[in-house]
Amino acid sequence: MKVHLEIDPQRAQNAGTTPAAISAGAKALDFPAGVAVGEDARTSMQDDELSTMVSALLASLFLVFLVMAVQFNSVKMSIMVMICIPLCLIGSFTLVFLTGRPMSMFGLMGFMMLIGISVNNGIYLVDGTTQLRQTVPLEQALIEAGTTRLRPILMTTLTTIISMIPMIFTTSPNLVMMKEMSYIVIGGLIASTVLAMFLVPPFYLLMRGERVDGTKRLRFLHRKKAQTSAENEKAVTK
């Protein structure tokens, strides 16, 4: 005897965790001799697709970092741009948690989209500051880069968010699983845009080892060496 169960994802409260819940419930049951619980080929294919998607996410992170390093000709500047990626993850996980949406394969595809989209905010700010500081002081360059690049940042972010909004309200059974992608992209872009405007400038100063007035900031080891040498000089003079 073979029992086949089909679940409508649109009616399921959490379609992403339904297979795991069914497997756990079936294993807790006592079956007579000769009866076993098995998984079909679709479930094993989903596990393979999940591992493949994770590998693709890591590869996309590396490729984005490599492209930024080549374009800016600096590893530090590429790291400054990549700081927008963890910022967008804050918004994505927050919105998914508040809405109670499950994490599915389409959600991972949304993260892959965010890797390429969210770095645009960092590129605008970092590149604008680097260009402006050639003609104006560093403090003014940071302020003007935020004000002049705010409009293109908002334009690119809002157009992407608006294009994802209809997907949230879709009722089509064929597109209901795409909602996870829209929630992740919208939440990530909102958080990345807001937080990048406040966190990228101080992170820029931290990576460059400079203060707001443009003077170099002594590192901890160099500062300790300088204090030690000054103390030695005082001891010798005495």
C-alpha atoms as a PDB file:
ATOM      1  CA  MET A   1       0.000   0.000   0.000  1.00  0.00           C
ATOM      2  CA  LYS A   2       1.261   3.474  -0.898  1.00  0.00           C
ATOM      3  CA  VAL A   3      -0.065   6.694   0.621  1.00  0.00           C
ATOM      4  CA  HIS A   4       0.511   9.890  -1.356  1.00  0.00           C
ATOM      5  CA  LEU A   5      -0.053  13.269   0.284  1.00  0.00           C
ATOM      6  CA  GLU A   6      -0.291  16.583  -1.532  1.00  0.00           C
ATOM      7  CA  ILE A   7      -0.409  19.959   0.202  1.00  0.00           C
ATOM      8  CA  ASP A   8      -1.562  23.218  -1.333  1.00  0.00           C
ATOM      9  CA  PRO A   9       1.202  25.789  -0.589  1.00  0.00           C
ATOM     10  CA  GLN A  10      -1.355  28.590  -0.732  1.00  0.00           C
ATOM     11  CA  ARG A  11      -3.360  27.083   2.146  1.00  0.00           C
ATOM     12  CA  ALA A  12      -0.397  25.928   4.174  1.00  0.00           C
ATOM     13  CA  GLN A  13       0.610  28.276   6.963  1.00  0.00           C
ATOM     14  CA  ASN A  14       4.307  27.578   6.518  1.00  0.00           C
ATOM     15  CA  ALA A  15       4.971  25.775   3.269  1.00  0.00           C
ATOM     16  CA  GLY A  16       8.729  25.941   3.732  1.00  0.00           C
ATOM     17  CA  THR A  17       8.726  23.822   6.892  1.00  0.00           C
ATOM     18  CA  THR A  18       5.779  21.549   6.048  1.00  0.00           C
ATOM     19  CA  PRO A  19       7.891  18.646   4.654  1.00  0.00           C
ATOM     20  CA  ALA A  20      10.096  18.628   7.747  1.00  0.00           C
ATOM     21  CA  ALA A  21       7.042  18.621  10.028  1.00  0.00           C
ATOM     22  CA  ILE A  22       5.483  15.714   8.109  1.00  0.00           C
ATOM     23  CA  SER A  23       8.699  13.693   8.278  1.00  0.00           C
ATOM     24  CA  ALA A  24       9.061  14.309  12.019  1.00  0.00           C
ATOM     25  CA  GLY A  25       5.443  13.318  12.646  1.00  0.00           C
ATOM     26  CA  ALA A  26       5.723  10.180  10.522  1.00  0.00           C
ATOM     27  CA  LYS A  27       8.879   9.028  12.311  1.00  0.00           C
ATOM     28  CA  ALA A  28       7.109   9.324  15.646  1.00  0.00           C
ATOM     29  CA  LEU A  29       4.444   6.824  14.585  1.00  0.00           C
ATOM     30  CA  ASP A  30       4.654   3.076  15.137  1.00  0.00           C
ATOM     31  CA  PHE A  31       4.290   1.162  11.891  1.00  0.00           C
ATOM     32  CA  PRO A  32       3.787  -2.596  11.550  1.00  0.00           C
ATOM     33  CA  ALA A  33       6.461  -4.825  10.110  1.00  0.00           C
ATOM     34  CA  GLY A  34       7.122  -4.240   6.461  1.00  0.00           C
ATOM     35  CA  VAL A  35       5.902  -0.620   6.518  1.00  0.00           C
ATOM     36  CA  ALA A  36       8.446   2.180   6.176  1.00  0.00           C
ATOM     37  CA  VAL A  37       8.486   5.911   5.526  1.00  0.00           C
ATOM     38  CA  GLY A  38      10.342   7.191   2.507  1.00  0.00           C
ATOM     39  CA  GLU A  39      10.930  10.438   0.690  1.00  0.00           C
ATOM     40  CA  ASP A  40      10.339  10.958  -2.982  1.00  0.00           C
ATOM     41  CA  ALA A  41      12.847  12.236  -5.495  1.00  0.00           C
ATOM     42  CA  ARG A  42      11.489  15.775  -5.230  1.00  0.00           C
ATOM     43  CA  THR A  43      12.612  16.119  -1.612  1.00  0.00           C
ATOM     44  CA  SER A  44      16.134  14.930  -2.371  1.00  0.00           C
ATOM     45  CA  MET A  45      16.257  17.313  -5.325  1.00  0.00           C
ATOM     46  CA  GLN A  46      15.311  20.188  -3.039  1.00  0.00           C
ATOM     47  CA  ASP A  47      18.180  19.340  -0.710  1.00  0.00           C
ATOM     48  CA  ASP A  48      20.598  19.327  -3.637  1.00  0.00           C
ATOM     49  CA  GLU A  49      19.203  22.625  -4.885  1.00  0.00           C
ATOM     50  CA  LEU A  50      19.636  24.163  -1.436  1.00  0.00           C
ATOM     51  CA  SER A  51      23.326  23.251  -1.282  1.00  0.00           C
ATOM     52  CA  THR A  52      23.782  24.526  -4.820  1.00  0.00           C
ATOM     53  CA  MET A  53      22.094  27.814  -3.962  1.00  0.00           C
ATOM     54  CA  VAL A  54      24.320  28.316  -0.919  1.00  0.00           C
ATOM     55  CA  SER A  55      27.392  27.721  -3.074  1.00  0.00           C
ATOM     56  CA  ALA A  56      26.049  30.226  -5.610  1.00  0.00           C
ATOM     57  CA  LEU A  57      25.571  32.823  -2.858  1.00  0.00           C
ATOM     58  CA  LEU A  58      29.162  32.429  -1.683  1.00  0.00           C
ATOM     59  CA  ALA A  59      30.415  32.612  -5.273  1.00  0.00           C
ATOM     60  CA  SER A  60      28.407  35.789  -5.905  1.00  0.00           C
ATOM     61  CA  LEU A  61      29.888  37.400  -2.779  1.00  0.00           C
ATOM     62  CA  PHE A  62      33.393  36.613  -3.959  1.00  0.00           C
ATOM     63  CA  LEU A  63      32.732  37.857  -7.493  1.00  0.00           C
ATOM     64  CA  VAL A  64      31.210  41.130  -6.277  1.00  0.00           C
ATOM     65  CA  PHE A  65      34.215  41.683  -3.999  1.00  0.00           C
ATOM     66  CA  LEU A  66      36.589  40.879  -6.855  1.00  0.00           C
ATOM     67  CA  VAL A  67      34.875  43.291  -9.245  1.00  0.00           C
ATOM     68  CA  MET A  68      34.913  46.075  -6.647  1.00  0.00           C
ATOM     69  CA  ALA A  69      38.606  45.502  -5.918  1.00  0.00           C
ATOM     70  CA  VAL A  70      39.448  45.696  -9.630  1.00  0.00           C
ATOM     71  CA  GLN A  71      37.299  48.769 -10.278  1.00  0.00           C
ATOM     72  CA  PHE A  72      38.527  50.749  -7.262  1.00  0.00           C
ATOM     73  CA  ASN A  73      42.038  49.287  -7.437  1.00  0.00           C
ATOM     74  CA  SER A  74      41.899  48.996  -3.659  1.00  0.00           C
ATOM     75  CA  VAL A  75      40.880  46.214  -1.301  1.00  0.00           C
ATOM     76  CA  LYS A  76      39.940  48.704   1.427  1.00  0.00           C
ATOM     77  CA  MET A  77      37.472  50.540  -0.797  1.00  0.00           C
ATOM     78  CA  SER A  78      35.877  47.291  -1.894  1.00  0.00           C
ATOM     79  CA  ILE A  79      35.394  46.342   1.770  1.00  0.00           C
ATOM     80  CA  MET A  80      33.761  49.743   2.350  1.00  0.00           C
ATOM     81  CA  VAL A  81      31.268  48.973  -0.396  1.00  0.00           C
ATOM     82  CA  MET A  82      30.629  45.426   0.822  1.00  0.00           C
ATOM     83  CA  ILE A  83      29.533  46.742   4.245  1.00  0.00           C
ATOM     84  CA  CYS A  84      26.105  47.373   2.689  1.00  0.00           C
ATOM     85  CA  ILE A  85      25.480  43.627   2.326  1.00  0.00           C
ATOM     86  CA  PRO A  86      25.226  42.810   6.073  1.00  0.00           C
ATOM     87  CA  LEU A  87      23.122  45.961   6.477  1.00  0.00           C
ATOM     88  CA  CYS A  88      20.541  44.673   4.014  1.00  0.00           C
ATOM     89  CA  LEU A  89      20.411  41.318   5.822  1.00  0.00           C
ATOM     90  CA  ILE A  90      19.159  43.133   8.924  1.00  0.00           C
ATOM     91  CA  GLY A  91      16.140  44.469   7.064  1.00  0.00           C
ATOM     92  CA  SER A  92      15.454  41.205   5.244  1.00  0.00           C
ATOM     93  CA  PHE A  93      15.392  39.017   8.351  1.00  0.00           C
ATOM     94  CA  THR A  94      13.406  41.643  10.275  1.00  0.00           C
ATOM     95  CA  LEU A  95      10.655  41.887   7.648  1.00  0.00           C
ATOM     96  CA  VAL A  96      10.492  38.106   7.208  1.00  0.00           C
ATOM     97  CA  PHE A  97      10.216  37.672  10.984  1.00  0.00           C
ATOM     98  CA  LEU A  98       7.512  40.330  11.370  1.00  0.00           C
ATOM     99  CA  THR A  99       5.407  38.941   8.538  1.00  0.00           C
ATOM    100  CA  GLY A 100       5.923  35.306   9.529  1.00  0.00           C
ATOM    101  CA  ARG A 101       6.984  34.246   6.052  1.00  0.00           C
ATOM    102  CA  PRO A 102       8.952  30.979   5.680  1.00  0.00           C
ATOM    103  CA  MET A 103      12.403  30.780   4.159  1.00  0.00           C
ATOM    104  CA  SER A 104      12.355  28.940   0.847  1.00  0.00           C
ATOM    105  CA  MET A 105      14.454  28.572  -2.283  1.00  0.00           C
ATOM    106  CA  PHE A 106      12.922  31.745  -3.680  1.00  0.00           C
ATOM    107  CA  GLY A 107      14.008  33.558  -0.535  1.00  0.00           C
ATOM    108  CA  LEU A 108      17.605  32.555  -1.169  1.00  0.00           C
ATOM    109  CA  MET A 109      17.233  33.856  -4.703  1.00  0.00           C
ATOM    110  CA  GLY A 110      16.157  37.152  -3.161  1.00  0.00           C
ATOM    111  CA  PHE A 111      19.368  37.247  -1.128  1.00  0.00           C
ATOM    112  CA  MET A 112      21.344  36.699  -4.314  1.00  0.00           C
ATOM    113  CA  MET A 113      19.584  39.660  -5.907  1.00  0.00           C
ATOM    114  CA  LEU A 114      20.344  41.800  -2.861  1.00  0.00           C
ATOM    115  CA  ILE A 115      24.065  41.093  -3.103  1.00  0.00           C
ATOM    116  CA  GLY A 116      24.177  42.846  -6.468  1.00  0.00           C
ATOM    117  CA  ILE A 117      21.644  45.583  -5.686  1.00  0.00           C
ATOM    118  CA  SER A 118      22.630  46.692  -2.190  1.00  0.00           C
ATOM    119  CA  VAL A 119      26.255  47.449  -3.079  1.00  0.00           C
ATOM    120  CA  ASN A 120      25.053  50.275  -5.339  1.00  0.00           C
ATOM    121  CA  ASN A 121      24.457  52.475  -2.292  1.00  0.00           C
ATOM    122  CA  GLY A 122      27.997  51.895  -1.091  1.00  0.00           C
ATOM    123  CA  ILE A 123      29.414  52.590  -4.537  1.00  0.00           C
ATOM    124  CA  TYR A 124      27.602  55.924  -4.713  1.00  0.00           C
ATOM    125  CA  LEU A 125      28.813  57.047  -1.288  1.00  0.00           C
ATOM    126  CA  VAL A 126      32.380  55.743  -1.358  1.00  0.00           C
ATOM    127  CA  ASP A 127      33.120  56.811  -4.912  1.00  0.00           C
ATOM    128  CA  GLY A 128      31.510  60.217  -4.351  1.00  0.00           C
ATOM    129  CA  THR A 129      33.554  60.845  -1.212  1.00  0.00           C
ATOM    130  CA  THR A 130      36.793  59.782  -2.918  1.00  0.00           C
ATOM    131  CA  GLN A 131      36.195  62.133  -5.842  1.00  0.00           C
ATOM    132  CA  LEU A 132      35.138  65.106  -3.725  1.00  0.00           C
ATOM    133  CA  ARG A 133      38.012  64.894  -1.261  1.00  0.00           C
ATOM    134  CA  GLN A 134      40.415  65.721  -4.092  1.00  0.00           C
ATOM    135  CA  THR A 135      39.039  69.278  -4.151  1.00  0.00           C
ATOM    136  CA  VAL A 136      37.460  69.826  -0.720  1.00  0.00           C
ATOM    137  CA  PRO A 137      38.328  68.826   2.871  1.00  0.00           C
ATOM    138  CA  LEU A 138      37.383  65.358   4.041  1.00  0.00           C
ATOM    139  CA  GLU A 139      34.552  66.489   6.330  1.00  0.00           C
ATOM    140  CA  GLN A 140      32.927  68.494   3.554  1.00  0.00           C
ATOM    141  CA  ALA A 141      33.440  65.623   1.116  1.00  0.00           C
ATOM    142  CA  LEU A 142      31.573  63.231   3.404  1.00  0.00           C
ATOM    143  CA  ILE A 143      28.664  65.644   3.788  1.00  0.00           C
ATOM    144  CA  GLU A 144      28.414  66.546   0.104  1.00  0.00           C
ATOM    145  CA  ALA A 145      28.682  62.911  -0.982  1.00  0.00           C
ATOM    146  CA  GLY A 146      25.695  62.059   1.203  1.00  0.00           C
ATOM    147  CA  THR A 147      23.592  64.979  -0.001  1.00  0.00           C
ATOM    148  CA  THR A 148      24.421  64.825  -3.713  1.00  0.00           C
ATOM    149  CA  ARG A 149      24.176  61.043  -3.998  1.00  0.00           C
ATOM    150  CA  LEU A 150      20.983  60.777  -1.941  1.00  0.00           C
ATOM    151  CA  ARG A 151      18.724  61.385  -4.944  1.00  0.00           C
ATOM    152  CA  PRO A 152      20.145  58.629  -7.209  1.00  0.00           C
ATOM    153  CA  ILE A 153      20.225  56.227  -4.252  1.00  0.00           C
ATOM    154  CA  LEU A 154      16.536  56.852  -3.509  1.00  0.00           C
ATOM    155  CA  MET A 155      15.585  56.613  -7.179  1.00  0.00           C
ATOM    156  CA  THR A 156      17.220  53.214  -7.689  1.00  0.00           C
ATOM    157  CA  THR A 157      15.907  51.882  -4.379  1.00  0.00           C
ATOM    158  CA  LEU A 158      12.314  53.075  -4.797  1.00  0.00           C
ATOM    159  CA  THR A 159      12.017  51.778  -8.360  1.00  0.00           C
ATOM    160  CA  THR A 160      13.103  48.314  -7.237  1.00  0.00           C
ATOM    161  CA  ILE A 161      10.800  48.326  -4.197  1.00  0.00           C
ATOM    162  CA  ILE A 162       7.789  49.520  -6.223  1.00  0.00           C
ATOM    163  CA  SER A 163       8.354  46.786  -8.788  1.00  0.00           C
ATOM    164  CA  MET A 164       8.273  44.185  -5.990  1.00  0.00           C
ATOM    165  CA  ILE A 165       5.108  45.434  -4.270  1.00  0.00           C
ATOM    166  CA  PRO A 166       2.597  43.793  -6.688  1.00  0.00           C
ATOM    167  CA  MET A 167       4.255  40.440  -6.033  1.00  0.00           C
ATOM    168  CA  ILE A 168       3.385  40.722  -2.325  1.00  0.00           C
ATOM    169  CA  PHE A 169      -0.345  40.985  -3.012  1.00  0.00           C
ATOM    170  CA  THR A 170      -0.514  38.307  -5.677  1.00  0.00           C
ATOM    171  CA  THR A 171      -3.033  35.500  -5.163  1.00  0.00           C
ATOM    172  CA  SER A 172      -1.980  33.318  -8.054  1.00  0.00           C
ATOM    173  CA  PRO A 173      -1.021  29.786  -6.934  1.00  0.00           C
ATOM    174  CA  ASN A 174       1.879  29.828  -9.390  1.00  0.00           C
ATOM    175  CA  LEU A 175       3.371  33.009  -7.901  1.00  0.00           C
ATOM    176  CA  VAL A 176       2.574  32.601  -4.208  1.00  0.00           C
ATOM    177  CA  MET A 177       6.042  31.187  -3.486  1.00  0.00           C
ATOM    178  CA  MET A 178       7.605  34.322  -4.997  1.00  0.00           C
ATOM    179  CA  LYS A 179       6.378  36.369  -2.059  1.00  0.00           C
ATOM    180  CA  GLU A 180       9.412  35.356   0.018  1.00  0.00           C
ATOM    181  CA  MET A 181      11.690  36.926  -2.583  1.00  0.00           C
ATOM    182  CA  SER A 182       9.747  40.189  -2.576  1.00  0.00           C
ATOM    183  CA  TYR A 183       9.741  40.447   1.225  1.00  0.00           C
ATOM    184  CA  ILE A 184      13.485  39.827   1.398  1.00  0.00           C
ATOM    185  CA  VAL A 185      14.338  42.312  -1.352  1.00  0.00           C
ATOM    186  CA  ILE A 186      12.064  45.058   0.005  1.00  0.00           C
ATOM    187  CA  GLY A 187      13.220  44.696   3.607  1.00  0.00           C
ATOM    188  CA  GLY A 188      16.861  44.504   2.602  1.00  0.00           C
ATOM    189  CA  LEU A 189      16.754  47.581   0.377  1.00  0.00           C
ATOM    190  CA  ILE A 190      14.972  49.695   2.984  1.00  0.00           C
ATOM    191  CA  ALA A 191      17.452  48.799   5.729  1.00  0.00           C
ATOM    192  CA  SER A 192      20.480  49.087   3.455  1.00  0.00           C
ATOM    193  CA  THR A 193      19.464  52.523   2.177  1.00  0.00           C
ATOM    194  CA  VAL A 194      18.732  53.990   5.608  1.00  0.00           C
ATOM    195  CA  LEU A 195      21.650  52.445   7.495  1.00  0.00           C
ATOM    196  CA  ALA A 196      24.203  53.040   4.736  1.00  0.00           C
ATOM    197  CA  MET A 197      23.649  56.804   4.894  1.00  0.00           C
ATOM    198  CA  PHE A 198      24.640  56.776   8.578  1.00  0.00           C
ATOM    199  CA  LEU A 199      27.203  53.967   8.808  1.00  0.00           C
ATOM    200  CA  VAL A 200      29.204  54.197   5.573  1.00  0.00           C
ATOM    201  CA  PRO A 201      30.855  57.602   6.422  1.00  0.00           C
ATOM    202  CA  PRO A 202      32.234  56.491   9.831  1.00  0.00           C
ATOM    203  CA  PHE A 203      33.263  53.155   8.325  1.00  0.00           C
ATOM    204  CA  TYR A 204      35.049  55.107   5.576  1.00  0.00           C
ATOM    205  CA  LEU A 205      37.026  57.008   8.215  1.00  0.00           C
ATOM    206  CA  LEU A 206      37.776  53.786  10.079  1.00  0.00           C
ATOM    207  CA  MET A 207      39.112  51.982   7.007  1.00  0.00           C
ATOM    208  CA  ARG A 208      41.150  54.988   5.896  1.00  0.00           C
ATOM    209  CA  GLY A 209      42.588  55.489   9.382  1.00  0.00           C
ATOM    210  CA  GLU A 210      41.680  59.185   9.366  1.00  0.00           C
ATOM    211  CA  ARG A 211      39.780  61.650  11.502  1.00  0.00           C
ATOM    212  CA  VAL A 212      37.049  63.950  10.232  1.00  0.00           C
ATOM    213  CA  ASP A 213      39.538  66.834   9.897  1.00  0.00           C
ATOM    214  CA  GLY A 214      41.683  64.717   7.546  1.00  0.00           C
ATOM    215  CA  THR A 215      44.529  63.964   9.945  1.00  0.00           C
ATOM    216  CA  LYS A 216      45.831  60.423  10.219  1.00  0.00           C
ATOM    217  CA  ARG A 217      44.677  58.338  13.133  1.00  0.00           C
ATOM    218  CA  LEU A 218      47.491  56.508  14.923  1.00  0.00           C
ATOM    219  CA  ARG A 219      46.926  52.788  15.206  1.00  0.00           C
ATOM    220  CA  PHE A 220      47.034  51.125  18.579  1.00  0.00           C
ATOM    221  CA  LEU A 221      50.398  49.425  18.102  1.00  0.00           C
ATOM    222  CA  HIS A 222      51.994  52.542  16.661  1.00  0.00           C
ATOM    223  CA  ARG A 223      50.571  54.570  19.531  1.00  0.00           C
ATOM    224  CA  LYS A 224      52.048  52.181  22.098  1.00  0.00           C
ATOM    225  CA  LYS A 225      55.428  52.312  20.366  1.00  0.00           C
ATOM    226  CA  ALA A 226      55.311  56.092  20.327  1.00  0.00           C
ATOM    227  CA  GLN A 227      54.489  56.217  24.033  1.00  0.00           C
ATOM    228  CA  THR A 228      57.259  53.722  24.823  1.00  0.00           C
ATOM    229  CA  SER A 229      59.842  55.680  22.830  1.00  0.00           C
ATOM    230  CA  ALA A 230      58.761  58.929  24.492  1.00  0.00           C
ATOM    231  CA  GLU A 231      59.128  57.357  27.937  1.00  0.00           C
ATOM    232  CA  ASN A 232      62.567  56.031  27.017  1.00  0.00           C
ATOM    233  CA  GLU A 233      63.660  59.470  25.833  1.00  0.00           C
ATOM    234  CA  LYS A 234      62.512  61.003  29.081  1.00  0.00           C
ATOM    235  CA  ALA A 235      64.410  58.357  31.068  1.00  0.00           C
ATOM    236  CA  VAL A 236      67.590  59.013  29.075  1.00  0.00           C
ATOM    237  CA  THR A 237      67.380  62.778  29.550  1.00  0.00           C
ATOM    238  CA  LYS A 238      66.978  62.312  33.289  1.00  0.00           C
END
